[in-house]
Amino acid sequence: MKIPAEAVIPDEKLTQYLLVLKPRNDKSQFLAQAGFTQANPEALLAAIRVLAASADAVEDSTNEYGTFYQVIGQLIGVNGVNLAVATIWLKRQADGKFQFVTLKPYREARDDA
């Protein structure tokens, strides 16, 4: 299953959370490795949409808000650096629409770990 092209990605999630330096669970420095900064949030938005359109969404969990999905793949950076990420999406219980929740660095499970 693919995340629908019309899925909601709130601007605030990019400009006020992912691209802002945080004391805990900071993602801005990770994203900066691929050239994503507060100066180009539209580039991050485009990269998230490309990933969502190209990789399958896998159901993860369900709660009172709806069903969560993960899309794992490469976020194509603006500077030639790609980042392995897991994006989290919610299919909202209230209206059935998909919404972007967050992303995080993805590290594959290793057998020798």
Protein backbone atom coordinates (compact mmCIF):
# COMPACT_ATOMS: atom_id res chain seq x y z
CA MET A 1 0.00 0.00 0.00
CA LYS A 2 1.15 3.53 -0.76
CA ILE A 3 0.43 6.68 1.21
CA PRO A 4 -2.04 8.73 -0.89
CA ALA A 5 -0.60 11.74 -2.75
CA GLU A 6 -3.12 14.00 -1.02
CA ALA A 7 -1.92 13.02 2.48
CA VAL A 8 -1.65 15.99 4.82
CA ILE A 9 1.85 17.19 5.73
CA PRO A 10 1.44 20.19 8.04
CA ASP A 11 3.91 23.01 7.30
CA GLU A 12 4.33 23.49 11.05
CA LYS A 13 5.63 19.93 11.41
CA LEU A 14 8.53 20.88 9.15
CA THR A 15 9.17 24.51 10.07
CA GLN A 16 8.45 24.38 13.80
CA TYR A 17 9.56 20.85 14.69
CA LEU A 18 11.74 18.82 12.32
CA LEU A 19 13.95 21.70 11.16
CA VAL A 20 14.29 23.37 14.58
CA LEU A 21 17.16 22.51 16.94
CA LYS A 22 15.67 20.76 19.98
CA PRO A 23 17.37 19.81 23.27
CA ARG A 24 15.79 16.33 23.08
CA ASN A 25 15.00 14.14 20.09
CA ASP A 26 16.51 16.68 17.71
CA LYS A 27 16.09 15.86 14.04
CA SER A 28 17.35 19.13 12.55
CA GLN A 29 21.05 18.19 12.66
CA PHE A 30 20.31 14.79 11.13
CA LEU A 31 18.31 16.43 8.31
CA ALA A 32 20.98 19.11 7.80
CA GLN A 33 23.40 16.35 6.69
CA ALA A 34 21.29 16.10 3.52
CA GLY A 35 20.96 19.87 3.11
CA PHE A 36 17.51 20.30 4.65
CA THR A 37 17.32 23.51 6.72
CA GLN A 38 14.83 26.16 7.79
CA ALA A 39 15.81 28.01 4.61
CA ASN A 40 14.32 25.28 2.37
CA PRO A 41 11.40 23.48 4.08
CA GLU A 42 9.80 22.95 0.68
CA ALA A 43 12.72 20.68 -0.25
CA LEU A 44 12.07 18.49 2.79
CA LEU A 45 8.36 18.42 1.96
CA ALA A 46 9.13 17.31 -1.60
CA ALA A 47 11.56 14.61 -0.41
CA ILE A 48 8.99 13.22 2.05
CA ARG A 49 6.36 13.09 -0.71
CA VAL A 50 8.78 11.31 -3.10
CA LEU A 51 9.57 8.70 -0.44
CA ALA A 52 5.88 8.19 0.40
CA ALA A 53 5.05 7.69 -3.29
CA SER A 54 7.89 5.26 -3.94
CA ALA A 55 7.91 2.93 -0.92
CA ASP A 56 5.21 0.74 0.59
CA ALA A 57 3.50 1.72 3.82
CA VAL A 58 3.45 -0.98 6.48
CA GLU A 59 0.78 -0.96 9.19
CA ASP A 60 2.38 -0.43 12.59
CA SER A 61 -0.22 0.11 15.32
CA THR A 62 -3.71 1.39 16.05
CA ASN A 63 -5.11 3.58 18.81
CA GLU A 64 -8.08 5.88 19.39
CA TYR A 65 -6.71 8.35 16.81
CA GLY A 66 -6.44 5.84 13.99
CA THR A 67 -3.96 3.47 12.35
CA PHE A 68 -0.26 4.27 12.16
CA TYR A 69 1.90 3.29 9.20
CA GLN A 70 5.65 3.31 8.59
CA VAL A 71 7.31 4.08 5.28
CA ILE A 72 11.00 3.19 5.32
CA GLY A 73 13.45 4.32 2.69
CA GLN A 74 15.90 6.94 1.51
CA LEU A 75 15.17 10.63 1.89
CA ILE A 76 16.89 12.15 -1.14
CA GLY A 77 18.94 15.12 0.00
CA VAL A 78 19.35 18.40 -1.83
CA ASN A 79 23.15 18.17 -1.54
CA GLY A 80 23.60 14.63 -2.86
CA VAL A 81 23.49 12.97 0.58
CA ASN A 82 20.62 10.54 1.15
CA LEU A 83 19.32 9.63 4.60
CA ALA A 84 17.81 6.31 5.69
CA VAL A 85 14.57 7.21 7.46
CA ALA A 86 11.35 5.78 8.79
CA THR A 87 8.43 8.14 8.21
CA ILE A 88 5.37 7.74 10.40
CA TRP A 89 1.88 8.36 9.06
CA LEU A 90 -1.56 8.26 10.66
CA LYS A 91 -4.76 7.24 8.91
CA ARG A 92 -7.09 9.30 11.05
CA GLN A 93 -10.02 7.53 12.66
CA ALA A 94 -12.17 10.67 12.45
CA ASP A 95 -12.10 11.21 8.68
CA GLY A 96 -9.99 8.45 7.13
CA LYS A 97 -7.39 10.92 5.82
CA PHE A 98 -3.67 10.24 6.02
CA GLN A 99 -1.43 12.66 7.90
CA PHE A 100 2.34 12.80 8.29
CA VAL A 101 3.35 12.44 11.95
CA THR A 102 7.15 12.47 12.00
CA LEU A 103 10.32 10.89 10.70
CA LYS A 104 13.30 9.36 12.40
CA PRO A 105 16.66 7.96 11.38
CA TYR A 106 16.33 4.35 10.32
CA ARG A 107 18.87 1.77 11.32
CA GLU A 108 18.29 -1.74 10.06
CA ALA A 109 18.28 -4.50 12.64
CA ARG A 110 21.53 -6.39 12.44
CA ASP A 111 21.94 -10.09 13.11
CA ASP A 112 25.30 -9.58 14.82
CA ALA A 113 24.03 -6.97 17.25
